[in-house]
Amino acid sequence: MPLDRSLPDDVHQSAEELRSALKEHGITLPSLGVDLPGFAGVYGVSLVALGNCNAATARRLAEVLRTAAAR
């Protein structure tokens, strides 16, 4: 897979789109945001940091992904 060389605005928009989509399924990843060190890296790859979540949130996310994959 090629490196994603998203512009800063793109990565912020991507993070917000993901936050919104997760919210539609009742899922909140409190640490979701933009990985700022990614902007300073050698490759200049903009990353969305998913962060941490509790076990219940991880199970809910897995459930939503499995349901979507079955469609």
PDB file of N, CA and C in Angstrom:
ATOM      1  N   MET A   1       0.848  -1.173   0.000  1.00  0.00           N
ATOM      2  CA  MET A   1       0.000   0.000   0.000  1.00  0.00           C
ATOM      3  C   MET A   1       0.895   1.239   0.000  1.00  0.00           C
ATOM      4  N   PRO A   2       0.644   2.204  -0.888  1.00  0.00           N
ATOM      5  CA  PRO A   2       1.471   3.403  -0.940  1.00  0.00           C
ATOM      6  C   PRO A   2       1.240   4.278   0.292  1.00  0.00           C
ATOM      7  N   LEU A   3       2.233   5.105   0.595  1.00  0.00           N
ATOM      8  CA  LEU A   3       2.101   6.028   1.717  1.00  0.00           C
ATOM      9  C   LEU A   3       1.018   7.046   1.419  1.00  0.00           C
ATOM     10  N   ASP A   4       0.249   7.399   2.435  1.00  0.00           N
ATOM     11  CA  ASP A   4      -0.782   8.413   2.315  1.00  0.00           C
ATOM     12  C   ASP A   4      -0.130   9.758   2.610  1.00  0.00           C
ATOM     13  N   ARG A   5      -0.015  10.592   1.624  1.00  0.00           N
ATOM     14  CA  ARG A   5       0.611  11.894   1.810  1.00  0.00           C
ATOM     15  C   ARG A   5      -0.461  12.977   1.898  1.00  0.00           C
ATOM     16  N   SER A   6      -1.438  12.760   2.792  1.00  0.00           N
ATOM     17  CA  SER A   6      -2.530  13.705   2.980  1.00  0.00           C
ATOM     18  C   SER A   6      -2.009  15.037   3.485  1.00  0.00           C
ATOM     19  N   LEU A   7      -2.674  16.069   3.084  1.00  0.00           N
ATOM     20  CA  LEU A   7      -2.366  17.392   3.603  1.00  0.00           C
ATOM     21  C   LEU A   7      -2.940  17.515   5.012  1.00  0.00           C
ATOM     22  N   PRO A   8      -2.398  18.442   5.814  1.00  0.00           N
ATOM     23  CA  PRO A   8      -2.906  18.583   7.188  1.00  0.00           C
ATOM     24  C   PRO A   8      -4.419  18.721   7.278  1.00  0.00           C
ATOM     25  N   ASP A   9      -5.021  19.530   6.400  1.00  0.00           N
ATOM     26  CA  ASP A   9      -6.475  19.686   6.452  1.00  0.00           C
ATOM     27  C   ASP A   9      -7.184  18.379   6.152  1.00  0.00           C
ATOM     28  N   ASP A  10      -6.622  17.579   5.238  1.00  0.00           N
ATOM     29  CA  ASP A  10      -7.221  16.290   4.897  1.00  0.00           C
ATOM     30  C   ASP A  10      -7.241  15.351   6.093  1.00  0.00           C
ATOM     31  N   VAL A  11      -6.139  15.297   6.826  1.00  0.00           N
ATOM     32  CA  VAL A  11      -6.067  14.373   7.953  1.00  0.00           C
ATOM     33  C   VAL A  11      -6.997  14.820   9.078  1.00  0.00           C
ATOM     34  N   HIS A  12      -7.136  16.115   9.278  1.00  0.00           N
ATOM     35  CA  HIS A  12      -8.084  16.605  10.286  1.00  0.00           C
ATOM     36  C   HIS A  12      -9.519  16.253   9.871  1.00  0.00           C
ATOM     37  N   GLN A  13      -9.827  16.440   8.591  1.00  0.00           N
ATOM     38  CA  GLN A  13     -11.155  16.095   8.079  1.00  0.00           C
ATOM     39  C   GLN A  13     -11.406  14.597   8.202  1.00  0.00           C
ATOM     40  N   SER A  14     -10.390  13.798   7.903  1.00  0.00           N
ATOM     41  CA  SER A  14     -10.528  12.344   8.017  1.00  0.00           C
ATOM     42  C   SER A  14     -10.827  11.928   9.456  1.00  0.00           C
ATOM     43  N   ALA A  15     -10.132  12.540  10.398  1.00  0.00           N
ATOM     44  CA  ALA A  15     -10.363  12.232  11.810  1.00  0.00           C
ATOM     45  C   ALA A  15     -11.791  12.594  12.206  1.00  0.00           C
ATOM     46  N   GLU A  16     -12.268  13.735  11.742  1.00  0.00           N
ATOM     47  CA  GLU A  16     -13.638  14.155  12.075  1.00  0.00           C
ATOM     48  C   GLU A  16     -14.675  13.250  11.420  1.00  0.00           C
ATOM     49  N   GLU A  17     -14.421  12.818  10.195  1.00  0.00           N
ATOM     50  CA  GLU A  17     -15.340  11.898   9.520  1.00  0.00           C
ATOM     51  C   GLU A  17     -15.420  10.577  10.271  1.00  0.00           C
ATOM     52  N   LEU A  18     -14.269  10.089  10.723  1.00  0.00           N
ATOM     53  CA  LEU A  18     -14.248   8.841  11.479  1.00  0.00           C
ATOM     54  C   LEU A  18     -14.973   9.015  12.809  1.00  0.00           C
ATOM     55  N   ARG A  19     -14.711  10.119  13.500  1.00  0.00           N
ATOM     56  CA  ARG A  19     -15.393  10.387  14.777  1.00  0.00           C
ATOM     57  C   ARG A  19     -16.909  10.401  14.582  1.00  0.00           C
ATOM     58  N   SER A  20     -17.363  11.048  13.523  1.00  0.00           N
ATOM     59  CA  SER A  20     -18.794  11.136  13.235  1.00  0.00           C
ATOM     60  C   SER A  20     -19.390   9.768  12.906  1.00  0.00           C
ATOM     61  N   ALA A  21     -18.691   8.980  12.082  1.00  0.00           N
ATOM     62  CA  ALA A  21     -19.183   7.650  11.721  1.00  0.00           C
ATOM     63  C   ALA A  21     -19.257   6.739  12.937  1.00  0.00           C
ATOM     64  N   LEU A  22     -18.261   6.807  13.796  1.00  0.00           N
ATOM     65  CA  LEU A  22     -18.287   5.998  15.022  1.00  0.00           C
ATOM     66  C   LEU A  22     -19.444   6.417  15.919  1.00  0.00           C
ATOM     67  N   LYS A  23     -19.665   7.722  16.010  1.00  0.00           N
ATOM     68  CA  LYS A  23     -20.752   8.239  16.860  1.00  0.00           C
ATOM     69  C   LYS A  23     -22.110   7.712  16.403  1.00  0.00           C
ATOM     70  N   GLU A  24     -22.284   7.545  15.085  1.00  0.00           N
ATOM     71  CA  GLU A  24     -23.541   7.009  14.552  1.00  0.00           C
ATOM     72  C   GLU A  24     -23.826   5.607  15.078  1.00  0.00           C
ATOM     73  N   HIS A  25     -22.776   4.917  15.518  1.00  0.00           N
ATOM     74  CA  HIS A  25     -22.910   3.566  16.065  1.00  0.00           C
ATOM     75  C   HIS A  25     -22.747   3.545  17.575  1.00  0.00           C
ATOM     76  N   GLY A  26     -22.789   4.719  18.188  1.00  0.00           N
ATOM     77  CA  GLY A  26     -22.676   4.801  19.637  1.00  0.00           C
ATOM     78  C   GLY A  26     -21.274   4.530  20.162  1.00  0.00           C
ATOM     79  N   ILE A  27     -20.261   4.764  19.330  1.00  0.00           N
ATOM     80  CA  ILE A  27     -18.879   4.492  19.716  1.00  0.00           C
ATOM     81  C   ILE A  27     -18.115   5.806  19.813  1.00  0.00           C
ATOM     82  N   THR A  28     -17.396   5.980  20.920  1.00  0.00           N
ATOM     83  CA  THR A  28     -16.538   7.142  21.107  1.00  0.00           C
ATOM     84  C   THR A  28     -15.138   6.680  21.442  1.00  0.00           C
ATOM     85  N   LEU A  29     -14.170   7.135  20.665  1.00  0.00           N
ATOM     86  CA  LEU A  29     -12.765   6.903  20.970  1.00  0.00           C
ATOM     87  C   LEU A  29     -12.231   8.242  21.490  1.00  0.00           C
ATOM     88  N   PRO A  30     -12.122   8.400  22.822  1.00  0.00           N
ATOM     89  CA  PRO A  30     -11.769   9.692  23.400  1.00  0.00           C
ATOM     90  C   PRO A  30     -10.440  10.260  22.908  1.00  0.00           C
ATOM     91  N   SER A  31      -9.506   9.414  22.554  1.00  0.00           N
ATOM     92  CA  SER A  31      -8.179   9.886  22.152  1.00  0.00           C
ATOM     93  C   SER A  31      -8.042  10.063  20.648  1.00  0.00           C
ATOM     94  N   LEU A  32      -9.106   9.843  19.894  1.00  0.00           N
ATOM     95  CA  LEU A  32      -9.028   9.951  18.443  1.00  0.00           C
ATOM     96  C   LEU A  32      -8.631  11.365  18.052  1.00  0.00           C
ATOM     97  N   GLY A  33      -7.645  11.480  17.197  1.00  0.00           N
ATOM     98  CA  GLY A  33      -7.192  12.792  16.748  1.00  0.00           C
ATOM     99  C   GLY A  33      -6.088  12.647  15.729  1.00  0.00           C
ATOM    100  N   VAL A  34      -5.407  13.735  15.475  1.00  0.00           N
ATOM    101  CA  VAL A  34      -4.320  13.761  14.512  1.00  0.00           C
ATOM    102  C   VAL A  34      -3.010  13.492  15.241  1.00  0.00           C
ATOM    103  N   ASP A  35      -2.196  12.625  14.657  1.00  0.00           N
ATOM    104  CA  ASP A  35      -0.892  12.302  15.224  1.00  0.00           C
ATOM    105  C   ASP A  35       0.094  13.397  14.813  1.00  0.00           C
ATOM    106  N   LEU A  36       0.343  14.333  15.711  1.00  0.00           N
ATOM    107  CA  LEU A  36       1.176  15.484  15.378  1.00  0.00           C
ATOM    108  C   LEU A  36       2.621  15.122  15.028  1.00  0.00           C
ATOM    109  N   PRO A  37       3.253  14.148  15.702  1.00  0.00           N
ATOM    110  CA  PRO A  37       4.620  13.801  15.297  1.00  0.00           C
ATOM    111  C   PRO A  37       4.725  13.326  13.847  1.00  0.00           C
ATOM    112  N   GLY A  38       3.638  12.839  13.288  1.00  0.00           N
ATOM    113  CA  GLY A  38       3.651  12.405  11.897  1.00  0.00           C
ATOM    114  C   GLY A  38       3.993  13.531  10.935  1.00  0.00           C
ATOM    115  N   PHE A  39       3.648  14.755  11.319  1.00  0.00           N
ATOM    116  CA  PHE A  39       3.955  15.897  10.460  1.00  0.00           C
ATOM    117  C   PHE A  39       5.449  16.200  10.445  1.00  0.00           C
ATOM    118  N   ALA A  40       6.145  15.829  11.502  1.00  0.00           N
ATOM    119  CA  ALA A  40       7.568  16.133  11.615  1.00  0.00           C
ATOM    120  C   ALA A  40       8.445  14.991  11.112  1.00  0.00           C
ATOM    121  N   GLY A  41       7.855  13.866  10.767  1.00  0.00           N
ATOM    122  CA  GLY A  41       8.615  12.698  10.357  1.00  0.00           C
ATOM    123  C   GLY A  41       9.320  12.889   9.021  1.00  0.00           C
ATOM    124  N   VAL A  42      10.259  12.043   8.762  1.00  0.00           N
ATOM    125  CA  VAL A  42      11.048  12.081   7.534  1.00  0.00           C
ATOM    126  C   VAL A  42      10.162  11.927   6.296  1.00  0.00           C
ATOM    127  N   TYR A  43       9.164  11.070   6.388  1.00  0.00           N
ATOM    128  CA  TYR A  43       8.319  10.792   5.234  1.00  0.00           C
ATOM    129  C   TYR A  43       7.149  11.754   5.088  1.00  0.00           C
ATOM    130  N   GLY A  44       6.888  12.559   6.104  1.00  0.00           N
ATOM    131  CA  GLY A  44       5.790  13.514   6.035  1.00  0.00           C
ATOM    132  C   GLY A  44       4.427  12.867   5.877  1.00  0.00           C
ATOM    133  N   VAL A  45       4.220  11.756   6.541  1.00  0.00           N
ATOM    134  CA  VAL A  45       2.952  11.041   6.443  1.00  0.00           C
ATOM    135  C   VAL A  45       2.015  11.530   7.541  1.00  0.00           C
ATOM    136  N   SER A  46       0.851  12.008   7.146  1.00  0.00           N
ATOM    137  CA  SER A  46      -0.143  12.464   8.106  1.00  0.00           C
ATOM    138  C   SER A  46      -0.933  11.257   8.603  1.00  0.00           C
ATOM    139  N   LEU A  47      -1.014  11.105   9.911  1.00  0.00           N
ATOM    140  CA  LEU A  47      -1.688   9.949  10.495  1.00  0.00           C
ATOM    141  C   LEU A  47      -2.829  10.368  11.397  1.00  0.00           C
ATOM    142  N   VAL A  48      -3.877   9.552  11.407  1.00  0.00           N
ATOM    143  CA  VAL A  48      -4.959   9.703  12.374  1.00  0.00           C
ATOM    144  C   VAL A  48      -4.648   8.741  13.511  1.00  0.00           C
ATOM    145  N   ALA A  49      -4.553   9.272  14.725  1.00  0.00           N
ATOM    146  CA  ALA A  49      -4.280   8.455  15.906  1.00  0.00           C
ATOM    147  C   ALA A  49      -5.612   8.001  16.499  1.00  0.00           C
ATOM    148  N   LEU A  50      -5.791   6.701  16.568  1.00  0.00           N
ATOM    149  CA  LEU A  50      -7.042   6.168  17.106  1.00  0.00           C
ATOM    150  C   LEU A  50      -7.052   6.187  18.625  1.00  0.00           C
ATOM    151  N   GLY A  51      -5.901   6.146  19.238  1.00  0.00           N
ATOM    152  CA  GLY A  51      -5.811   6.254  20.687  1.00  0.00           C
ATOM    153  C   GLY A  51      -6.254   5.006  21.419  1.00  0.00           C
ATOM    154  N   ASN A  52      -6.619   5.198  22.644  1.00  0.00           N
ATOM    155  CA  ASN A  52      -6.996   4.097  23.531  1.00  0.00           C
ATOM    156  C   ASN A  52      -8.509   4.068  23.740  1.00  0.00           C
ATOM    157  N   CYS A  53      -8.997   2.892  24.100  1.00  0.00           N
ATOM    158  CA  CYS A  53     -10.402   2.770  24.479  1.00  0.00           C
ATOM    159  C   CYS A  53     -10.518   1.629  25.481  1.00  0.00           C
ATOM    160  N   ASN A  54     -11.637   1.591  26.180  1.00  0.00           N
ATOM    161  CA  ASN A  54     -11.840   0.514  27.147  1.00  0.00           C
ATOM    162  C   ASN A  54     -12.314  -0.757  26.429  1.00  0.00           C
ATOM    163  N   ALA A  55     -12.360  -1.847  27.158  1.00  0.00           N
ATOM    164  CA  ALA A  55     -12.706  -3.141  26.568  1.00  0.00           C
ATOM    165  C   ALA A  55     -14.110  -3.145  25.973  1.00  0.00           C
ATOM    166  N   ALA A  56     -15.058  -2.494  26.627  1.00  0.00           N
ATOM    167  CA  ALA A  56     -16.429  -2.466  26.114  1.00  0.00           C
ATOM    168  C   ALA A  56     -16.490  -1.745  24.768  1.00  0.00           C
ATOM    169  N   THR A  57     -15.751  -0.667  24.629  1.00  0.00           N
ATOM    170  CA  THR A  57     -15.727   0.066  23.366  1.00  0.00           C
ATOM    171  C   THR A  57     -15.060  -0.769  22.280  1.00  0.00           C
ATOM    172  N   ALA A  58     -13.987  -1.453  22.618  1.00  0.00           N
ATOM    173  CA  ALA A  58     -13.314  -2.319  21.651  1.00  0.00           C
ATOM    174  C   ALA A  58     -14.252  -3.417  21.162  1.00  0.00           C
ATOM    175  N   ARG A  59     -15.022  -4.019  22.070  1.00  0.00           N
ATOM    176  CA  ARG A  59     -15.977  -5.062  21.678  1.00  0.00           C
ATOM    177  C   ARG A  59     -17.061  -4.494  20.771  1.00  0.00           C
ATOM    178  N   ARG A  60     -17.556  -3.301  21.092  1.00  0.00           N
ATOM    179  CA  ARG A  60     -18.611  -2.667  20.287  1.00  0.00           C
ATOM    180  C   ARG A  60     -18.085  -2.343  18.889  1.00  0.00           C
ATOM    181  N   LEU A  61     -16.867  -1.848  18.810  1.00  0.00           N
ATOM    182  CA  LEU A  61     -16.265  -1.547  17.520  1.00  0.00           C
ATOM    183  C   LEU A  61     -16.098  -2.821  16.698  1.00  0.00           C
ATOM    184  N   ALA A  62     -15.642  -3.879  17.312  1.00  0.00           N
ATOM    185  CA  ALA A  62     -15.490  -5.171  16.624  1.00  0.00           C
ATOM    186  C   ALA A  62     -16.845  -5.666  16.129  1.00  0.00           C
ATOM    187  N   GLU A  63     -17.874  -5.516  16.936  1.00  0.00           N
ATOM    188  CA  GLU A  63     -19.227  -5.951  16.558  1.00  0.00           C
ATOM    189  C   GLU A  63     -19.716  -5.180  15.339  1.00  0.00           C
ATOM    190  N   VAL A  64     -19.543  -3.875  15.339  1.00  0.00           N
ATOM    191  CA  VAL A  64     -19.987  -3.042  14.215  1.00  0.00           C
ATOM    192  C   VAL A  64     -19.222  -3.415  12.942  1.00  0.00           C
ATOM    193  N   LEU A  65     -17.917  -3.631  13.064  1.00  0.00           N
ATOM    194  CA  LEU A  65     -17.126  -3.992  11.887  1.00  0.00           C
ATOM    195  C   LEU A  65     -17.515  -5.362  11.342  1.00  0.00           C
ATOM    196  N   ARG A  66     -17.775  -6.317  12.242  1.00  0.00           N
ATOM    197  CA  ARG A  66     -18.198  -7.649  11.769  1.00  0.00           C
ATOM    198  C   ARG A  66     -19.539  -7.585  11.063  1.00  0.00           C
ATOM    199  N   THR A  67     -20.468  -6.805  11.616  1.00  0.00           N
ATOM    200  CA  THR A  67     -21.780  -6.657  11.003  1.00  0.00           C
ATOM    201  C   THR A  67     -21.659  -6.030   9.613  1.00  0.00           C
ATOM    202  N   ALA A  68     -20.818  -5.003   9.512  1.00  0.00           N
ATOM    203  CA  ALA A  68     -20.634  -4.342   8.207  1.00  0.00           C
ATOM    204  C   ALA A  68     -19.969  -5.284   7.216  1.00  0.00           C
ATOM    205  N   ALA A  69     -19.035  -6.086   7.652  1.00  0.00           N
ATOM    206  CA  ALA A  69     -18.334  -7.019   6.764  1.00  0.00           C
ATOM    207  C   ALA A  69     -19.269  -8.107   6.246  1.00  0.00           C
ATOM    208  N   ALA A  70     -20.291  -8.446   7.014  1.00  0.00           N
ATOM    209  CA  ALA A  70     -21.220  -9.492   6.628  1.00  0.00           C
ATOM    210  C   ALA A  70     -22.210  -9.027   5.565  1.00  0.00           C
ATOM    211  N   ARG A  71     -22.297  -7.766   5.333  1.00  0.00           N
ATOM    212  CA  ARG A  71     -23.258  -7.215   4.348  1.00  0.00           C
ATOM    213  C   ARG A  71     -22.821  -7.450   2.947  1.00  0.00           C
TER     214      ARG A  71
END
